[in-house]
C-alpha atoms as a PDB file:
ATOM      1  CA  UNK A   1     118.168  42.009  43.352  1.00  0.00           C
ATOM      2  CA  UNK A   2     115.356  44.551  43.547  1.00  0.00           C
ATOM      3  CA  UNK A   3     111.678  43.973  44.168  1.00  0.00           C
ATOM      4  CA  UNK A   4     109.550  43.296  41.117  1.00  0.00           C
ATOM      5  CA  UNK A   5     107.990  46.581  39.977  1.00  0.00           C
ATOM      6  CA  UNK A   6     105.589  45.272  37.365  1.00  0.00           C
ATOM      7  CA  UNK A   7     101.920  45.100  38.157  1.00  0.00           C
ATOM      8  CA  UNK A   8      99.457  42.399  37.229  1.00  0.00           C
ATOM      9  CA  UNK A   9      95.885  43.332  36.261  1.00  0.00           C
ATOM     10  CA  UNK A  10      94.462  40.819  38.782  1.00  0.00           C
ATOM     11  CA  UNK A  11      95.009  41.797  42.435  1.00  0.00           C
ATOM     12  CA  UNK A  12      95.609  38.244  43.679  1.00  0.00           C
ATOM     13  CA  UNK A  13      98.338  37.720  41.091  1.00  0.00           C
ATOM     14  CA  UNK A  14      99.860  41.103  41.877  1.00  0.00           C
ATOM     15  CA  UNK A  15      99.937  40.322  45.604  1.00  0.00           C
ATOM     16  CA  UNK A  16     101.706  37.064  44.782  1.00  0.00           C
ATOM     17  CA  UNK A  17     104.328  39.077  42.869  1.00  0.00           C
ATOM     18  CA  UNK A  18     104.901  41.197  45.986  1.00  0.00           C
ATOM     19  CA  UNK A  19     105.019  38.102  48.221  1.00  0.00           C
ATOM     20  CA  UNK A  20     107.514  36.433  45.872  1.00  0.00           C
ATOM     21  CA  UNK A  21     109.646  39.578  46.096  1.00  0.00           C
ATOM     22  CA  UNK A  22     109.609  39.378  49.900  1.00  0.00           C
ATOM     23  CA  UNK A  23     110.738  35.776  49.624  1.00  0.00           C
ATOM     24  CA  UNK A  24     113.552  36.458  47.150  1.00  0.00           C
ATOM     25  CA  UNK A  25     114.828  39.635  48.735  1.00  0.00           C
ATOM     26  CA  UNK A  26     114.300  39.129  52.473  1.00  0.00           C
ATOM     27  CA  UNK A  27     113.718  35.352  52.777  1.00  0.00           C
ATOM     28  CA  UNK A  28     110.127  35.628  54.028  1.00  0.00           C
ATOM     29  CA  UNK A  29     109.036  32.440  52.289  1.00  0.00           C
ATOM     30  CA  UNK A  30     106.626  30.853  54.791  1.00  0.00           C
ATOM     31  CA  UNK A  31     104.013  30.295  52.136  1.00  0.00           C
ATOM     32  CA  UNK A  32     101.554  33.161  52.552  1.00  0.00           C
ATOM     33  CA  UNK A  33      99.635  33.523  49.296  1.00  0.00           C
ATOM     34  CA  UNK A  34      97.140  36.073  48.052  1.00  0.00           C
ATOM     35  CA  UNK A  35      94.310  33.577  48.451  1.00  0.00           C
ATOM     36  CA  UNK A  36      95.084  33.517  52.194  1.00  0.00           C
ATOM     37  CA  UNK A  37      94.836  37.303  52.375  1.00  0.00           C
ATOM     38  CA  UNK A  38      91.891  38.089  50.111  1.00  0.00           C
ATOM     39  CA  UNK A  39      89.024  36.569  52.042  1.00  0.00           C
ATOM     40  CA  UNK A  40      85.594  38.136  51.680  1.00  0.00           C
ATOM     41  CA  UNK A  41      84.952  41.660  50.506  1.00  0.00           C
ATOM     42  CA  UNK A  42      86.883  43.462  53.254  1.00  0.00           C
ATOM     43  CA  UNK A  43      89.894  45.458  52.055  1.00  0.00           C
ATOM     44  CA  UNK A  44      93.363  44.125  52.757  1.00  0.00           C
ATOM     45  CA  UNK A  45      95.162  46.688  54.900  1.00  0.00           C
ATOM     46  CA  UNK A  46      98.891  47.222  55.136  1.00  0.00           C
ATOM     47  CA  UNK A  47      98.717  46.074  58.783  1.00  0.00           C
ATOM     48  CA  UNK A  48      96.856  42.831  57.968  1.00  0.00           C
ATOM     49  CA  UNK A  49      99.322  42.103  55.163  1.00  0.00           C
ATOM     50  CA  UNK A  50     102.362  42.789  57.337  1.00  0.00           C
ATOM     51  CA  UNK A  51     101.023  40.772  60.272  1.00  0.00           C
ATOM     52  CA  UNK A  52     100.205  37.798  58.017  1.00  0.00           C
ATOM     53  CA  UNK A  53     103.702  37.756  56.526  1.00  0.00           C
ATOM     54  CA  UNK A  54     105.478  38.064  59.876  1.00  0.00           C
ATOM     55  CA  UNK A  55     103.158  35.705  61.770  1.00  0.00           C
ATOM     56  CA  UNK A  56     103.814  32.983  59.195  1.00  0.00           C
ATOM     57  CA  UNK A  57     107.550  33.022  59.869  1.00  0.00           C
ATOM     58  CA  UNK A  58     108.904  30.700  62.561  1.00  0.00           C
ATOM     59  CA  UNK A  59     111.877  32.977  63.278  1.00  0.00           C
ATOM     60  CA  UNK A  60     112.482  36.577  62.321  1.00  0.00           C
ATOM     61  CA  UNK A  61     115.974  37.744  61.375  1.00  0.00           C
ATOM     62  CA  UNK A  62     115.975  40.667  63.798  1.00  0.00           C
ATOM     63  CA  UNK A  63     113.450  42.773  65.697  1.00  0.00           C
ATOM     64  CA  UNK A  64     109.827  42.462  64.540  1.00  0.00           C
ATOM     65  CA  UNK A  65     109.252  46.240  64.652  1.00  0.00           C
ATOM     66  CA  UNK A  66     111.978  46.810  62.083  1.00  0.00           C
ATOM     67  CA  UNK A  67     110.455  44.261  59.702  1.00  0.00           C
ATOM     68  CA  UNK A  68     106.962  45.653  60.279  1.00  0.00           C
ATOM     69  CA  UNK A  69     108.079  49.060  59.035  1.00  0.00           C
ATOM     70  CA  UNK A  70     109.900  47.664  56.000  1.00  0.00           C
ATOM     71  CA  UNK A  71     107.150  45.298  54.852  1.00  0.00           C
ATOM     72  CA  UNK A  72     104.393  47.838  55.478  1.00  0.00           C
ATOM     73  CA  UNK A  73     106.352  50.403  53.438  1.00  0.00           C
ATOM     74  CA  UNK A  74     106.528  47.994  50.462  1.00  0.00           C
ATOM     75  CA  UNK A  75     102.764  47.405  50.641  1.00  0.00           C
ATOM     76  CA  UNK A  76     101.924  51.113  50.939  1.00  0.00           C
ATOM     77  CA  UNK A  77     104.229  52.037  48.060  1.00  0.00           C
ATOM     78  CA  UNK A  78     102.404  49.578  45.835  1.00  0.00           C
ATOM     79  CA  UNK A  79      98.756  49.848  46.979  1.00  0.00           C
ATOM     80  CA  UNK A  80      98.364  52.640  49.511  1.00  0.00           C
ATOM     81  CA  UNK A  81      97.138  51.798  53.012  1.00  0.00           C
ATOM     82  CA  UNK A  82      94.523  49.296  51.807  1.00  0.00           C
ATOM     83  CA  UNK A  83      93.420  47.505  48.674  1.00  0.00           C
ATOM     84  CA  UNK A  84      90.513  45.303  47.628  1.00  0.00           C
ATOM     85  CA  UNK A  85      89.575  43.461  44.474  1.00  0.00           C
ATOM     86  CA  UNK A  86      86.862  46.068  44.004  1.00  0.00           C
ATOM     87  CA  UNK A  87      89.177  49.088  44.278  1.00  0.00           C
ATOM     88  CA  UNK A  88      92.253  47.629  42.539  1.00  0.00           C
ATOM     89  CA  UNK A  89      93.147  48.849  39.088  1.00  0.00           C
ATOM     90  CA  UNK A  90      96.394  49.484  37.247  1.00  0.00           C
END
């Protein structure tokens, strides 16, 4: 099963699509939601996103560095290195 490629016009909903993909594909299902990540006006960076996903997991299936690269790559492919509700558009 591949990651969901469709985009949602609302950033929070689109982030939830990406998070659901991480859950389905790689079993990162610790319950991080877009509302947890989009706090204030500061942009969400690929590092903040990746750290939030990995920090929420009790156990990682393998070395953290490997997962950091993979998750960060998914974020960057979709949004670039950072995204905010102000800058997001499809």
